Amino acid sequence: MSKSVFKKPEVYDTEESVVRRCLMCRDHFESSWRGERICKRCKSTAAWREG
């Protein structure tokens, strides 16, 4: 049997903030982590809290 040459992908996990577009209002905001896609202003609205 031959050995597999597949390697685990490298993680590009930076702790730096990135400017993204909010999925609700489409304004640019500074995202502090990879999964943050809604700005703080939109998260504070009743529409966001009610789901």
PDB file of N, CA and C in Angstrom:
ATOM      1  N   MET A   1       0.825  -1.189   0.000  1.00  0.00           N
ATOM      2  CA  MET A   1       0.000   0.000   0.000  1.00  0.00           C
ATOM      3  C   MET A   1       0.868   1.252   0.000  1.00  0.00           C
ATOM      4  N   SER A   2       0.456   2.244  -0.747  1.00  0.00           N
ATOM      5  CA  SER A   2       1.229   3.478  -0.783  1.00  0.00           C
ATOM      6  C   SER A   2       0.706   4.459   0.257  1.00  0.00           C
ATOM      7  N   LYS A   3       1.584   5.336   0.695  1.00  0.00           N
ATOM      8  CA  LYS A   3       1.198   6.350   1.678  1.00  0.00           C
ATOM      9  C   LYS A   3       0.417   7.465   1.003  1.00  0.00           C
ATOM     10  N   SER A   4      -0.490   8.040   1.719  1.00  0.00           N
ATOM     11  CA  SER A   4      -1.268   9.154   1.208  1.00  0.00           C
ATOM     12  C   SER A   4      -0.435  10.435   1.257  1.00  0.00           C
ATOM     13  N   VAL A   5      -0.533  11.237   0.233  1.00  0.00           N
ATOM     14  CA  VAL A   5       0.207  12.490   0.183  1.00  0.00           C
ATOM     15  C   VAL A   5      -0.668  13.688   0.537  1.00  0.00           C
ATOM     16  N   PHE A   6      -1.882  13.429   0.944  1.00  0.00           N
ATOM     17  CA  PHE A   6      -2.792  14.504   1.319  1.00  0.00           C
ATOM     18  C   PHE A   6      -2.384  15.074   2.665  1.00  0.00           C
ATOM     19  N   LYS A   7      -2.434  16.378   2.768  1.00  0.00           N
ATOM     20  CA  LYS A   7      -2.071  17.054   4.005  1.00  0.00           C
ATOM     21  C   LYS A   7      -3.274  17.825   4.528  1.00  0.00           C
ATOM     22  N   LYS A   8      -3.283  18.032   5.816  1.00  0.00           N
ATOM     23  CA  LYS A   8      -4.316  18.841   6.441  1.00  0.00           C
ATOM     24  C   LYS A   8      -4.142  20.286   5.963  1.00  0.00           C
ATOM     25  N   PRO A   9      -5.223  20.960   5.578  1.00  0.00           N
ATOM     26  CA  PRO A   9      -5.086  22.339   5.100  1.00  0.00           C
ATOM     27  C   PRO A   9      -4.614  23.264   6.212  1.00  0.00           C
ATOM     28  N   GLU A  10      -3.819  24.253   5.830  1.00  0.00           N
ATOM     29  CA  GLU A  10      -3.344  25.219   6.796  1.00  0.00           C
ATOM     30  C   GLU A  10      -4.483  26.163   7.163  1.00  0.00           C
ATOM     31  N   VAL A  11      -4.497  26.578   8.401  1.00  0.00           N
ATOM     32  CA  VAL A  11      -5.534  27.483   8.879  1.00  0.00           C
ATOM     33  C   VAL A  11      -5.004  28.900   8.794  1.00  0.00           C
ATOM     34  N   TYR A  12      -5.753  29.738   8.135  1.00  0.00           N
ATOM     35  CA  TYR A  12      -5.378  31.139   8.030  1.00  0.00           C
ATOM     36  C   TYR A  12      -6.212  31.918   9.026  1.00  0.00           C
ATOM     37  N   ASP A  13      -5.928  31.714  10.273  1.00  0.00           N
ATOM     38  CA  ASP A  13      -6.712  32.324  11.345  1.00  0.00           C
ATOM     39  C   ASP A  13      -5.985  33.537  11.885  1.00  0.00           C
ATOM     40  N   THR A  14      -6.352  34.697  11.399  1.00  0.00           N
ATOM     41  CA  THR A  14      -5.734  35.922  11.880  1.00  0.00           C
ATOM     42  C   THR A  14      -6.640  36.567  12.908  1.00  0.00           C
ATOM     43  N   GLU A  15      -6.047  37.196  13.856  1.00  0.00           N
ATOM     44  CA  GLU A  15      -6.804  37.883  14.895  1.00  0.00           C
ATOM     45  C   GLU A  15      -7.089  39.333  14.512  1.00  0.00           C
ATOM     46  N   GLU A  16      -6.668  39.730  13.324  1.00  0.00           N
ATOM     47  CA  GLU A  16      -6.867  41.103  12.882  1.00  0.00           C
ATOM     48  C   GLU A  16      -8.313  41.320  12.444  1.00  0.00           C
ATOM     49  N   SER A  17      -8.796  42.536  12.631  1.00  0.00           N
ATOM     50  CA  SER A  17     -10.143  42.853  12.174  1.00  0.00           C
ATOM     51  C   SER A  17     -10.121  43.099  10.671  1.00  0.00           C
ATOM     52  N   VAL A  18     -11.280  42.859  10.050  1.00  0.00           N
ATOM     53  CA  VAL A  18     -11.416  42.993   8.599  1.00  0.00           C
ATOM     54  C   VAL A  18     -12.668  43.817   8.326  1.00  0.00           C
ATOM     55  N   VAL A  19     -12.616  44.649   7.306  1.00  0.00           N
ATOM     56  CA  VAL A  19     -13.793  45.434   6.918  1.00  0.00           C
ATOM     57  C   VAL A  19     -14.674  44.558   6.051  1.00  0.00           C
ATOM     58  N   ARG A  20     -15.935  44.402   6.469  1.00  0.00           N
ATOM     59  CA  ARG A  20     -16.904  43.586   5.731  1.00  0.00           C
ATOM     60  C   ARG A  20     -18.164  44.408   5.488  1.00  0.00           C
ATOM     61  N   ARG A  21     -19.066  43.852   4.687  1.00  0.00           N
ATOM     62  CA  ARG A  21     -20.377  44.472   4.472  1.00  0.00           C
ATOM     63  C   ARG A  21     -21.402  43.743   5.315  1.00  0.00           C
ATOM     64  N   CYS A  22     -22.229  44.493   6.004  1.00  0.00           N
ATOM     65  CA  CYS A  22     -23.295  43.928   6.821  1.00  0.00           C
ATOM     66  C   CYS A  22     -24.316  43.264   5.906  1.00  0.00           C
ATOM     67  N   LEU A  23     -24.771  42.083   6.276  1.00  0.00           N
ATOM     68  CA  LEU A  23     -25.747  41.360   5.460  1.00  0.00           C
ATOM     69  C   LEU A  23     -27.153  41.956   5.550  1.00  0.00           C
ATOM     70  N   MET A  24     -27.390  42.812   6.533  1.00  0.00           N
ATOM     71  CA  MET A  24     -28.708  43.439   6.654  1.00  0.00           C
ATOM     72  C   MET A  24     -28.765  44.805   5.977  1.00  0.00           C
ATOM     73  N   CYS A  25     -27.859  45.716   6.360  1.00  0.00           N
ATOM     74  CA  CYS A  25     -27.927  47.086   5.845  1.00  0.00           C
ATOM     75  C   CYS A  25     -26.933  47.357   4.716  1.00  0.00           C
ATOM     76  N   ARG A  26     -26.023  46.433   4.458  1.00  0.00           N
ATOM     77  CA  ARG A  26     -25.023  46.521   3.394  1.00  0.00           C
ATOM     78  C   ARG A  26     -23.971  47.608   3.626  1.00  0.00           C
ATOM     79  N   ASP A  27     -23.954  48.245   4.808  1.00  0.00           N
ATOM     80  CA  ASP A  27     -22.914  49.214   5.137  1.00  0.00           C
ATOM     81  C   ASP A  27     -21.639  48.476   5.503  1.00  0.00           C
ATOM     82  N   HIS A  28     -20.512  49.150   5.343  1.00  0.00           N
ATOM     83  CA  HIS A  28     -19.236  48.577   5.741  1.00  0.00           C
ATOM     84  C   HIS A  28     -19.071  48.709   7.254  1.00  0.00           C
ATOM     85  N   PHE A  29     -18.487  47.698   7.870  1.00  0.00           N
ATOM     86  CA  PHE A  29     -18.190  47.749   9.298  1.00  0.00           C
ATOM     87  C   PHE A  29     -16.942  46.924   9.560  1.00  0.00           C
ATOM     88  N   GLU A  30     -16.327  47.154  10.704  1.00  0.00           N
ATOM     89  CA  GLU A  30     -15.118  46.439  11.062  1.00  0.00           C
ATOM     90  C   GLU A  30     -15.491  45.165  11.815  1.00  0.00           C
ATOM     91  N   SER A  31     -15.266  44.039  11.189  1.00  0.00           N
ATOM     92  CA  SER A  31     -15.596  42.737  11.753  1.00  0.00           C
ATOM     93  C   SER A  31     -14.424  42.257  12.596  1.00  0.00           C
ATOM     94  N   SER A  32     -14.690  41.872  13.833  1.00  0.00           N
ATOM     95  CA  SER A  32     -13.604  41.476  14.726  1.00  0.00           C
ATOM     96  C   SER A  32     -13.298  39.985  14.665  1.00  0.00           C
ATOM     97  N   TRP A  33     -14.155  39.191  14.028  1.00  0.00           N
ATOM     98  CA  TRP A  33     -13.866  37.762  13.862  1.00  0.00           C
ATOM     99  C   TRP A  33     -14.518  37.255  12.591  1.00  0.00           C
ATOM    100  N   ARG A  34     -14.105  36.100  12.164  1.00  0.00           N
ATOM    101  CA  ARG A  34     -14.470  35.543  10.861  1.00  0.00           C
ATOM    102  C   ARG A  34     -15.975  35.403  10.653  1.00  0.00           C
ATOM    103  N   GLY A  35     -16.719  35.034  11.654  1.00  0.00           N
ATOM    104  CA  GLY A  35     -18.148  34.776  11.490  1.00  0.00           C
ATOM    105  C   GLY A  35     -19.038  35.977  11.691  1.00  0.00           C
ATOM    106  N   GLU A  36     -18.467  37.127  12.001  1.00  0.00           N
ATOM    107  CA  GLU A  36     -19.284  38.321  12.240  1.00  0.00           C
ATOM    108  C   GLU A  36     -19.668  38.951  10.908  1.00  0.00           C
ATOM    109  N   ARG A  37     -20.942  38.885  10.573  1.00  0.00           N
ATOM    110  CA  ARG A  37     -21.420  39.387   9.283  1.00  0.00           C
ATOM    111  C   ARG A  37     -22.515  40.447   9.426  1.00  0.00           C
ATOM    112  N   ILE A  38     -22.977  40.676  10.661  1.00  0.00           N
ATOM    113  CA  ILE A  38     -23.999  41.683  10.929  1.00  0.00           C
ATOM    114  C   ILE A  38     -23.377  42.759  11.813  1.00  0.00           C
ATOM    115  N   CYS A  39     -23.540  44.024  11.444  1.00  0.00           N
ATOM    116  CA  CYS A  39     -22.933  45.114  12.217  1.00  0.00           C
ATOM    117  C   CYS A  39     -23.645  45.282  13.561  1.00  0.00           C
ATOM    118  N   LYS A  40     -22.981  45.954  14.470  1.00  0.00           N
ATOM    119  CA  LYS A  40     -23.532  46.156  15.815  1.00  0.00           C
ATOM    120  C   LYS A  40     -24.813  46.982  15.792  1.00  0.00           C
ATOM    121  N   ARG A  41     -24.899  47.939  14.872  1.00  0.00           N
ATOM    122  CA  ARG A  41     -26.105  48.764  14.771  1.00  0.00           C
ATOM    123  C   ARG A  41     -27.313  47.903  14.414  1.00  0.00           C
ATOM    124  N   CYS A  42     -27.161  46.988  13.457  1.00  0.00           N
ATOM    125  CA  CYS A  42     -28.271  46.115  13.057  1.00  0.00           C
ATOM    126  C   CYS A  42     -28.602  45.098  14.142  1.00  0.00           C
ATOM    127  N   LYS A  43     -27.588  44.636  14.861  1.00  0.00           N
ATOM    128  CA  LYS A  43     -27.848  43.673  15.941  1.00  0.00           C
ATOM    129  C   LYS A  43     -28.634  44.294  17.087  1.00  0.00           C
ATOM    130  N   SER A  44     -28.606  45.606  17.199  1.00  0.00           N
ATOM    131  CA  SER A  44     -29.327  46.271  18.278  1.00  0.00           C
ATOM    132  C   SER A  44     -30.781  46.579  17.915  1.00  0.00           C
ATOM    133  N   THR A  45     -31.199  46.266  16.693  1.00  0.00           N
ATOM    134  CA  THR A  45     -32.570  46.563  16.272  1.00  0.00           C
ATOM    135  C   THR A  45     -33.533  45.468  16.741  1.00  0.00           C
ATOM    136  N   ALA A  46     -34.796  45.820  16.804  1.00  0.00           N
ATOM    137  CA  ALA A  46     -35.828  44.877  17.211  1.00  0.00           C
ATOM    138  C   ALA A  46     -35.979  43.758  16.166  1.00  0.00           C
ATOM    139  N   ALA A  47     -35.801  44.087  14.895  1.00  0.00           N
ATOM    140  CA  ALA A  47     -35.925  43.086  13.837  1.00  0.00           C
ATOM    141  C   ALA A  47     -34.910  41.958  14.017  1.00  0.00           C
ATOM    142  N   TRP A  48     -33.706  42.309  14.423  1.00  0.00           N
ATOM    143  CA  TRP A  48     -32.660  41.279  14.634  1.00  0.00           C
ATOM    144  C   TRP A  48     -32.975  40.443  15.873  1.00  0.00           C
ATOM    145  N   ARG A  49     -33.412  41.092  16.937  1.00  0.00           N
ATOM    146  CA  ARG A  49     -33.693  40.368  18.184  1.00  0.00           C
ATOM    147  C   ARG A  49     -34.897  39.442  18.055  1.00  0.00           C
ATOM    148  N   GLU A  50     -35.877  39.813  17.237  1.00  0.00           N
ATOM    149  CA  GLU A  50     -37.075  38.997  17.077  1.00  0.00           C
ATOM    150  C   GLU A  50     -36.857  37.838  16.125  1.00  0.00           C
ATOM    151  N   GLY A  51     -35.811  37.906  15.337  1.00  0.00           N
ATOM    152  CA  GLY A  51     -35.465  36.818  14.428  1.00  0.00           C
ATOM    153  C   GLY A  51     -36.162  36.928  13.142  1.00  0.00           C
TER     154      GLY A  51
END
